[in-house]
Amino acid sequence: VQLQASGGGLVQAGGSLRLSCTASGIIFSIYTMGWYRQPPGKQRELVARITSGGSTNYADSVKDRFTISRDNAKNTVYLQMNSLKPEDTAVYYCNAVQIGDRNWGQGTQVTVSS
């Protein structure tokens, strides 16, 4: 199983980034896909999640700013991040979960300057 995340970078506060995570080795359409992040010196936390049926949920801190979506034809999940804040600075990880199976991708760094 591979989860390949991309799209991170350095952006000014108020800017936008779109993260992508492409999966291989799993039946992508049946997995709940998630984005987590780990700020410096802090624990990893859930950012957003989308089920196989398209239901979504978000951390309160990113509601109305971030949007998670998926393209099952491309085995890819996206995280559109708008109105970025310095506190969004973190390593962002892609996650794929199905009953009895959990997979993590490598992280992608997002840095938001003030």
Protein backbone atom coordinates (compact mmCIF):
# COMPACT_ATOMS: atom_id res chain seq x y z
CA VAL A 1 0.00 0.00 0.00
CA GLN A 2 1.28 3.44 -0.89
CA LEU A 3 -0.21 6.82 -0.11
CA GLN A 4 1.68 9.55 -1.94
CA ALA A 5 0.97 13.04 -0.64
CA SER A 6 1.95 16.23 -2.42
CA GLY A 7 1.12 19.91 -2.63
CA GLY A 8 2.65 21.27 0.53
CA GLY A 9 4.81 24.35 0.61
CA LEU A 10 5.34 27.83 1.98
CA VAL A 11 2.49 30.31 1.73
CA GLN A 12 1.63 33.65 3.28
CA ALA A 13 -1.23 33.99 5.73
CA GLY A 14 -4.50 34.31 3.85
CA GLY A 15 -3.25 32.22 0.98
CA SER A 16 -4.33 28.85 -0.34
CA LEU A 17 -2.86 25.43 -1.02
CA ARG A 18 -4.29 22.19 -2.33
CA LEU A 19 -2.92 18.91 -1.04
CA SER A 20 -3.30 15.69 -2.99
CA CYS A 21 -2.87 12.09 -1.90
CA THR A 22 -2.86 9.29 -4.44
CA ALA A 23 -3.30 5.74 -3.23
CA SER A 24 -2.15 2.46 -4.71
CA GLY A 25 -2.50 -1.10 -3.49
CA ILE A 26 -5.97 -0.66 -2.01
CA ILE A 27 -9.53 -0.63 -3.31
CA PHE A 28 -9.64 3.12 -2.89
CA SER A 29 -13.39 3.56 -3.26
CA ILE A 30 -14.25 1.57 -0.13
CA TYR A 31 -11.82 3.38 2.18
CA THR A 32 -12.49 6.33 4.43
CA MET A 33 -9.79 8.86 3.58
CA GLY A 34 -8.48 11.43 5.98
CA TRP A 35 -6.03 14.23 6.38
CA TYR A 36 -4.23 14.64 9.68
CA ARG A 37 -1.60 17.15 10.72
CA GLN A 38 1.14 17.38 13.30
CA PRO A 39 2.24 20.87 14.29
CA PRO A 40 5.75 21.29 15.66
CA GLY A 41 5.98 19.86 19.16
CA LYS A 42 2.36 18.73 19.20
CA GLN A 43 0.40 15.54 18.65
CA ARG A 44 -1.07 14.49 15.37
CA GLU A 45 -4.68 15.61 14.95
CA LEU A 46 -7.51 14.98 12.54
CA VAL A 47 -8.09 17.75 10.02
CA ALA A 48 -10.78 16.29 7.78
CA ARG A 49 -12.22 12.97 6.75
CA ILE A 50 -14.38 11.71 3.89
CA THR A 51 -16.13 8.36 3.86
CA SER A 52 -16.61 6.03 0.92
CA GLY A 53 -20.10 7.48 0.56
CA GLY A 54 -18.86 11.05 0.48
CA SER A 55 -19.80 12.15 4.00
CA THR A 56 -17.33 14.59 5.47
CA ASN A 57 -16.32 15.90 8.84
CA TYR A 58 -13.83 18.57 9.85
CA ALA A 59 -11.92 19.78 12.85
CA ASP A 60 -13.57 22.91 14.25
CA SER A 61 -10.39 24.88 13.59
CA VAL A 62 -10.62 24.38 9.83
CA LYS A 63 -14.38 24.41 9.19
CA ASP A 64 -15.39 26.88 6.48
CA ARG A 65 -11.76 27.20 5.35
CA PHE A 66 -10.77 23.68 4.26
CA THR A 67 -12.58 21.30 1.92
CA ILE A 68 -11.87 17.60 1.54
CA SER A 69 -12.91 15.78 -1.63
CA ARG A 70 -12.13 12.57 -3.43
CA ASP A 71 -11.90 11.30 -7.00
CA ASN A 72 -12.34 7.54 -6.96
CA ALA A 73 -11.45 7.29 -10.65
CA LYS A 74 -8.01 8.74 -9.84
CA ASN A 75 -7.59 7.06 -6.43
CA THR A 76 -6.95 10.52 -5.04
CA VAL A 77 -8.14 12.55 -2.09
CA TYR A 78 -7.71 16.32 -1.96
CA LEU A 79 -7.59 18.94 0.74
CA GLN A 80 -8.29 22.47 -0.45
CA MET A 81 -7.00 24.88 2.16
CA ASN A 82 -8.08 28.52 1.99
CA SER A 83 -7.55 31.49 4.30
CA LEU A 84 -4.50 29.80 5.75
CA LYS A 85 -3.25 30.91 9.15
CA PRO A 86 0.18 30.55 10.79
CA GLU A 87 -1.37 28.03 13.18
CA ASP A 88 -2.07 25.76 10.21
CA THR A 89 1.69 25.18 9.95
CA ALA A 90 2.28 21.45 10.29
CA VAL A 91 3.25 18.27 8.55
CA TYR A 92 0.11 16.98 6.86
CA TYR A 93 -0.48 13.23 6.53
CA CYS A 94 -2.87 11.25 4.39
CA ASN A 95 -4.70 8.31 5.96
CA ALA A 96 -6.75 5.45 4.52
CA VAL A 97 -8.97 3.42 6.83
CA GLN A 98 -11.23 0.44 6.35
CA ILE A 99 -12.37 -2.14 8.88
CA GLY A 100 -9.26 -3.96 10.01
CA ASP A 101 -6.85 -1.85 7.96
CA ARG A 102 -5.20 1.53 8.52
CA ASN A 103 -2.55 3.08 6.31
CA TRP A 104 -0.50 6.26 6.51
CA GLY A 105 1.29 8.18 3.83
CA GLN A 106 4.45 10.18 4.19
CA GLY A 107 3.87 13.72 5.32
CA THR A 108 3.96 16.92 3.36
CA GLN A 109 5.07 20.13 5.04
CA VAL A 110 2.80 23.15 5.06
CA THR A 111 4.28 26.37 6.37
CA VAL A 112 2.20 29.53 6.69
CA SER A 113 4.09 32.76 7.28
CA SER A 114 2.55 35.74 9.04
